[in-house]
């Protein structure tokens, strides 16, 4: 675990002053890839940087002793956010745009519920549901990493998401029940793209998907809980809600492209 913490510190040190704001005077000099996530409202995100100039670096290349289950030449990016954020649509568009460079890991909750897995409100039932989702998600990711060792994995949600749905409301209870920790699960991913729910803009999140049952109020609350968990990742990028969904999708595509180019650059540097 000490080595894991050291790797996370190294990833943070790749970024050159990540909280500094862009002054409009041109490109910011930094040793890390610069990822621009645009927000027409000009507000600050919860990491301290202006949304027009979010800087998050691709993580350092993993060494052979890395305990994470995926190969060191494989990169894993979590696409997450509250219900109605557009992450599943974004994942499909990103796969189409980037082709065989990426492979999508489908959302395990949708797979389970669409297949007839019971969805109940009782606390013990909700715990059982989240345990099942966690294990299916983890095994899907590991399966795809073995099948496609040379591709970037785009994970539609991640193993951490269940903590936001845990009935006690305490994320620690979720991780203790599953015999893991938040830190260990964060380390499964090399970057996080967080798609903010459209419910924050009072837009309907109804899409005709029978698996989605949350109201707008519930979606905003889940979005907040999920962000509090995922923002602790050193390479967290927030894709703000935008009244133009296409603009939001193109923003996500741009950010992902920057991340992949950063990964590839580090791989080349490591090989020389």
Protein backbone atom coordinates (compact mmCIF):
# COMPACT_ATOMS: atom_id res chain seq x y z
CA UNK A 1 0.00 0.00 0.00
CA UNK A 2 2.94 2.34 0.64
CA UNK A 3 4.10 1.85 -2.95
CA UNK A 4 0.56 2.58 -4.16
CA UNK A 5 0.48 5.86 -2.26
CA UNK A 6 3.88 6.80 -3.70
CA UNK A 7 2.62 6.23 -7.25
CA UNK A 8 -0.34 8.51 -6.62
CA UNK A 9 1.99 11.25 -5.35
CA UNK A 10 4.15 10.81 -8.46
CA UNK A 11 1.09 11.21 -10.68
CA UNK A 12 0.22 14.48 -8.96
CA UNK A 13 3.78 15.79 -9.31
CA UNK A 14 3.61 15.44 -13.09
CA UNK A 15 1.25 18.43 -13.12
CA UNK A 16 2.86 21.85 -13.10
CA UNK A 17 0.84 23.98 -10.62
CA UNK A 18 -2.57 22.42 -11.43
CA UNK A 19 -4.57 25.04 -9.48
CA UNK A 20 -3.22 28.05 -11.37
CA UNK A 21 -5.81 29.84 -13.49
CA UNK A 22 -5.44 30.65 -17.16
CA UNK A 23 -5.02 34.40 -17.74
CA UNK A 24 -5.99 34.39 -21.40
CA UNK A 25 -2.45 35.17 -22.48
CA UNK A 26 -1.78 32.03 -24.48
CA UNK A 27 -0.80 28.47 -23.68
CA UNK A 28 0.23 27.61 -20.16
CA UNK A 29 3.69 26.10 -19.89
CA UNK A 30 3.53 22.75 -18.13
CA UNK A 31 5.35 19.46 -18.25
CA UNK A 32 2.01 17.62 -18.26
CA UNK A 33 -0.63 17.30 -20.99
CA UNK A 34 -3.01 20.25 -20.82
CA UNK A 35 -6.69 19.33 -20.92
CA UNK A 36 -9.17 22.13 -21.58
CA UNK A 37 -12.73 21.56 -20.36
CA UNK A 38 -14.92 24.48 -21.33
CA UNK A 39 -17.81 25.97 -19.38
CA UNK A 40 -19.61 28.96 -20.83
CA UNK A 41 -20.52 30.12 -17.33
CA UNK A 42 -16.88 30.69 -16.36
CA UNK A 43 -17.31 29.22 -12.89
CA UNK A 44 -14.63 27.38 -10.97
CA UNK A 45 -14.73 23.64 -10.58
CA UNK A 46 -14.34 21.89 -7.23
CA UNK A 47 -10.62 21.23 -7.71
CA UNK A 48 -9.78 24.95 -7.69
CA UNK A 49 -9.00 25.47 -11.41
CA UNK A 50 -11.10 27.51 -13.78
CA UNK A 51 -13.23 25.26 -16.05
CA UNK A 52 -11.64 26.86 -19.10
CA UNK A 53 -8.25 25.58 -18.05
CA UNK A 54 -8.34 22.28 -16.19
CA UNK A 55 -4.92 20.66 -16.05
CA UNK A 56 -4.71 16.97 -15.30
CA UNK A 57 -1.78 14.81 -16.27
CA UNK A 58 -1.67 11.29 -17.61
CA UNK A 59 -0.29 9.06 -14.84
CA UNK A 60 3.21 7.72 -14.79
CA UNK A 61 3.82 4.43 -16.58
CA UNK A 62 3.28 1.58 -14.15
CA UNK A 63 6.20 -0.63 -13.23
CA UNK A 64 6.30 -4.40 -13.17
CA UNK A 65 5.53 -4.55 -9.45
CA UNK A 66 2.31 -2.59 -9.77
CA UNK A 67 -0.43 -4.51 -7.90
CA UNK A 68 -3.24 -3.34 -10.19
CA UNK A 69 -4.84 -6.15 -12.19
CA UNK A 70 -4.29 -4.68 -15.65
CA UNK A 71 -1.13 -4.80 -17.72
CA UNK A 72 1.15 -1.77 -17.56
CA UNK A 73 0.68 -1.03 -21.27
CA UNK A 74 -3.09 -0.86 -20.84
CA UNK A 75 -4.89 2.32 -19.85
CA UNK A 76 -8.23 2.37 -18.10
CA UNK A 77 -10.47 5.45 -18.05
CA UNK A 78 -13.67 5.64 -16.01
CA UNK A 79 -16.63 7.53 -17.48
CA UNK A 80 -18.97 8.33 -14.62
CA UNK A 81 -21.34 10.94 -13.19
CA UNK A 82 -24.89 11.27 -11.97
CA UNK A 83 -27.85 9.79 -13.89
CA UNK A 84 -28.58 11.74 -17.05
CA UNK A 85 -25.03 12.96 -17.57
CA UNK A 86 -24.71 11.43 -21.03
CA UNK A 87 -21.79 9.16 -20.21
CA UNK A 88 -23.20 6.07 -21.99
CA UNK A 89 -23.94 8.07 -25.13
CA UNK A 90 -20.51 9.65 -24.87
CA UNK A 91 -18.85 6.25 -24.52
CA UNK A 92 -20.53 5.02 -27.70
CA UNK A 93 -19.60 8.17 -29.63
CA UNK A 94 -16.01 8.05 -28.39
CA UNK A 95 -15.74 4.41 -29.45
CA UNK A 96 -17.02 5.27 -32.94
CA UNK A 97 -14.67 8.24 -33.28
CA UNK A 98 -11.53 6.53 -31.99
CA UNK A 99 -12.20 3.11 -33.50
CA UNK A 100 -10.02 0.20 -32.47
CA UNK A 101 -7.85 2.39 -30.27
CA UNK A 102 -10.44 1.94 -27.50
CA UNK A 103 -12.87 -0.67 -26.22
CA UNK A 104 -15.92 0.08 -24.05
CA UNK A 105 -16.67 -1.81 -20.85
CA UNK A 106 -20.50 -1.66 -20.60
CA UNK A 107 -22.30 -0.54 -17.45
CA UNK A 108 -22.80 -3.58 -15.25
CA UNK A 109 -25.91 -2.19 -13.51
CA UNK A 110 -27.77 -1.83 -16.81
CA UNK A 111 -26.74 -5.34 -17.84
CA UNK A 112 -28.01 -6.82 -14.58
CA UNK A 113 -31.30 -4.94 -14.39
CA UNK A 114 -32.05 -5.43 -18.08
CA UNK A 115 -31.44 -9.15 -17.60
CA UNK A 116 -34.03 -9.42 -14.85
CA UNK A 117 -31.97 -8.87 -11.70
CA UNK A 118 -34.44 -7.74 -8.99
CA UNK A 119 -34.43 -4.09 -7.99
CA UNK A 120 -35.78 -3.57 -4.47
CA UNK A 121 -35.84 -0.73 -1.95
CA UNK A 122 -35.19 -2.71 1.24
CA UNK A 123 -31.72 -1.97 2.67
CA UNK A 124 -30.59 -5.62 2.64
CA UNK A 125 -31.72 -5.97 -0.97
CA UNK A 126 -29.95 -2.78 -2.01
CA UNK A 127 -26.74 -4.05 -0.45
CA UNK A 128 -27.06 -7.32 -2.39
CA UNK A 129 -27.63 -5.38 -5.62
CA UNK A 130 -24.57 -3.20 -5.13
CA UNK A 131 -22.39 -6.21 -4.26
CA UNK A 132 -23.49 -7.89 -7.50
CA UNK A 133 -22.87 -4.74 -9.56
CA UNK A 134 -19.42 -4.31 -8.02
CA UNK A 135 -18.28 -7.84 -8.81
CA UNK A 136 -19.72 -7.84 -12.34
CA UNK A 137 -18.07 -4.46 -13.04
CA UNK A 138 -14.71 -5.58 -11.71
CA UNK A 139 -14.76 -8.83 -13.65
CA UNK A 140 -15.94 -7.17 -16.86
CA UNK A 141 -13.04 -4.73 -16.68
CA UNK A 142 -10.52 -7.48 -15.99
CA UNK A 143 -11.96 -9.65 -18.78
CA UNK A 144 -11.77 -6.86 -21.34
CA UNK A 145 -8.24 -5.98 -20.25
CA UNK A 146 -7.17 -9.55 -21.00
CA UNK A 147 -9.02 -9.66 -24.34
CA UNK A 148 -7.74 -6.28 -25.53
CA UNK A 149 -4.37 -5.69 -23.83
CA UNK A 150 -3.29 -3.05 -26.38
CA UNK A 151 -6.39 -0.84 -26.22
CA UNK A 152 -7.63 1.92 -23.94
CA UNK A 153 -10.54 0.70 -21.80
CA UNK A 154 -13.45 3.14 -21.52
CA UNK A 155 -15.40 1.97 -18.48
CA UNK A 156 -19.05 2.98 -18.34
CA UNK A 157 -18.99 3.64 -14.59
CA UNK A 158 -16.48 2.06 -12.23
CA UNK A 159 -16.21 -0.06 -9.12
CA UNK A 160 -16.49 3.01 -6.87
CA UNK A 161 -19.97 4.06 -7.99
CA UNK A 162 -21.78 1.62 -5.73
CA UNK A 163 -20.61 3.57 -2.67
CA UNK A 164 -22.95 6.42 -3.68
CA UNK A 165 -25.90 4.00 -3.75
CA UNK A 166 -25.08 2.14 -0.51
CA UNK A 167 -28.12 2.27 1.82
CA UNK A 168 -26.28 3.48 4.92
CA UNK A 169 -25.10 6.57 3.09
CA UNK A 170 -21.56 5.94 4.35
CA UNK A 171 -19.06 5.06 1.58
CA UNK A 172 -16.74 3.45 4.12
CA UNK A 173 -19.40 0.81 4.85
CA UNK A 174 -19.51 -0.11 1.16
CA UNK A 175 -15.77 -0.61 0.85
CA UNK A 176 -15.50 -2.50 4.14
CA UNK A 177 -18.35 -4.82 3.11
CA UNK A 178 -16.54 -5.62 -0.14
CA UNK A 179 -13.11 -6.02 1.46
CA UNK A 180 -11.46 -3.13 -0.34
CA UNK A 181 -10.76 0.60 0.05
CA UNK A 182 -11.53 3.75 -1.90
CA UNK A 183 -7.82 4.26 -2.57
CA UNK A 184 -7.37 0.78 -3.97
CA UNK A 185 -10.36 1.12 -6.28
CA UNK A 186 -9.22 4.55 -7.48
CA UNK A 187 -5.90 3.01 -8.45
CA UNK A 188 -7.64 0.70 -10.91
CA UNK A 189 -8.13 3.69 -13.21
CA UNK A 190 -5.65 5.95 -14.93
CA UNK A 191 -8.08 8.84 -15.38
CA UNK A 192 -11.69 9.79 -14.67
CA UNK A 193 -14.07 11.74 -16.93
CA UNK A 194 -17.00 12.88 -14.82
CA UNK A 195 -20.10 13.87 -16.82
CA UNK A 196 -22.23 16.17 -14.68
CA UNK A 197 -25.93 15.30 -14.77
CA UNK A 198 -28.24 17.47 -16.89
CA UNK A 199 -30.53 17.60 -13.85
CA UNK A 200 -28.37 20.40 -12.40
CA UNK A 201 -29.70 22.57 -15.23
CA UNK A 202 -33.30 21.55 -14.51
CA UNK A 203 -33.41 19.56 -17.74
CA UNK A 204 -35.34 16.31 -17.89
CA UNK A 205 -33.20 13.19 -17.68
CA UNK A 206 -36.00 10.99 -19.01
CA UNK A 207 -34.69 9.04 -22.00
CA UNK A 208 -37.10 6.12 -22.19
CA UNK A 209 -34.54 3.85 -20.53
CA UNK A 210 -36.62 1.60 -18.20
CA UNK A 211 -33.57 0.98 -16.01
CA UNK A 212 -33.31 4.65 -15.05
CA UNK A 213 -35.78 5.41 -12.27
CA UNK A 214 -34.23 8.43 -10.53
CA UNK A 215 -35.98 11.79 -10.32
CA UNK A 216 -34.06 14.99 -11.09
CA UNK A 217 -33.63 15.66 -7.38
CA UNK A 218 -32.24 12.17 -6.79
CA UNK A 219 -29.95 12.52 -9.82
CA UNK A 220 -28.42 15.73 -8.48
CA UNK A 221 -27.87 14.14 -5.05
CA UNK A 222 -26.20 11.10 -6.62
CA UNK A 223 -24.08 13.35 -8.82
CA UNK A 224 -22.82 15.16 -5.73
CA UNK A 225 -22.00 11.95 -3.84
CA UNK A 226 -20.25 10.42 -6.83
CA UNK A 227 -18.18 13.54 -7.42
CA UNK A 228 -17.01 13.60 -3.81
CA UNK A 229 -15.67 10.07 -4.26
CA UNK A 230 -14.13 10.33 -7.73
CA UNK A 231 -12.61 13.81 -7.37
CA UNK A 232 -9.96 12.25 -5.11
CA UNK A 233 -8.39 10.66 -8.18
CA UNK A 234 -5.27 12.61 -9.26
CA UNK A 235 -6.46 12.64 -12.89
CA UNK A 236 -10.07 13.70 -12.42
CA UNK A 237 -11.68 15.80 -15.19
CA UNK A 238 -15.11 17.34 -14.70
CA UNK A 239 -17.23 17.73 -17.85
CA UNK A 240 -19.79 20.34 -16.82
CA UNK A 241 -23.43 20.24 -17.82
CA UNK A 242 -24.04 22.16 -21.03
CA UNK A 243 -27.42 23.08 -22.51
CA UNK A 244 -25.95 21.87 -25.81
CA UNK A 245 -25.51 18.14 -25.39
CA UNK A 246 -23.44 17.93 -28.59
CA UNK A 247 -21.05 20.55 -27.21
CA UNK A 248 -20.70 18.46 -24.07
CA UNK A 249 -19.96 15.34 -26.11
CA UNK A 250 -17.35 17.10 -28.23
CA UNK A 251 -15.74 18.42 -25.06
CA UNK A 252 -15.51 14.88 -23.72
CA UNK A 253 -13.99 13.68 -26.98
CA UNK A 254 -11.39 16.44 -26.86
CA UNK A 255 -10.45 15.64 -23.26
CA UNK A 256 -10.18 11.93 -23.98
CA UNK A 257 -8.00 12.60 -27.02
CA UNK A 258 -5.67 14.72 -24.92
CA UNK A 259 -5.43 12.01 -22.28
CA UNK A 260 -4.66 9.28 -24.80
CA UNK A 261 -2.01 11.43 -26.47
CA UNK A 262 -0.48 12.02 -23.05
CA UNK A 263 -0.48 8.28 -22.32
CA UNK A 264 1.12 7.51 -25.68
CA UNK A 265 3.77 10.19 -25.17
CA UNK A 266 4.72 8.80 -21.79
CA UNK A 267 4.90 5.29 -23.22
CA UNK A 268 7.30 6.45 -25.94
CA UNK A 269 9.45 8.32 -23.43
CA UNK A 270 9.54 5.26 -21.19
CA UNK A 271 10.68 3.09 -24.09
CA UNK A 272 13.67 5.31 -24.93
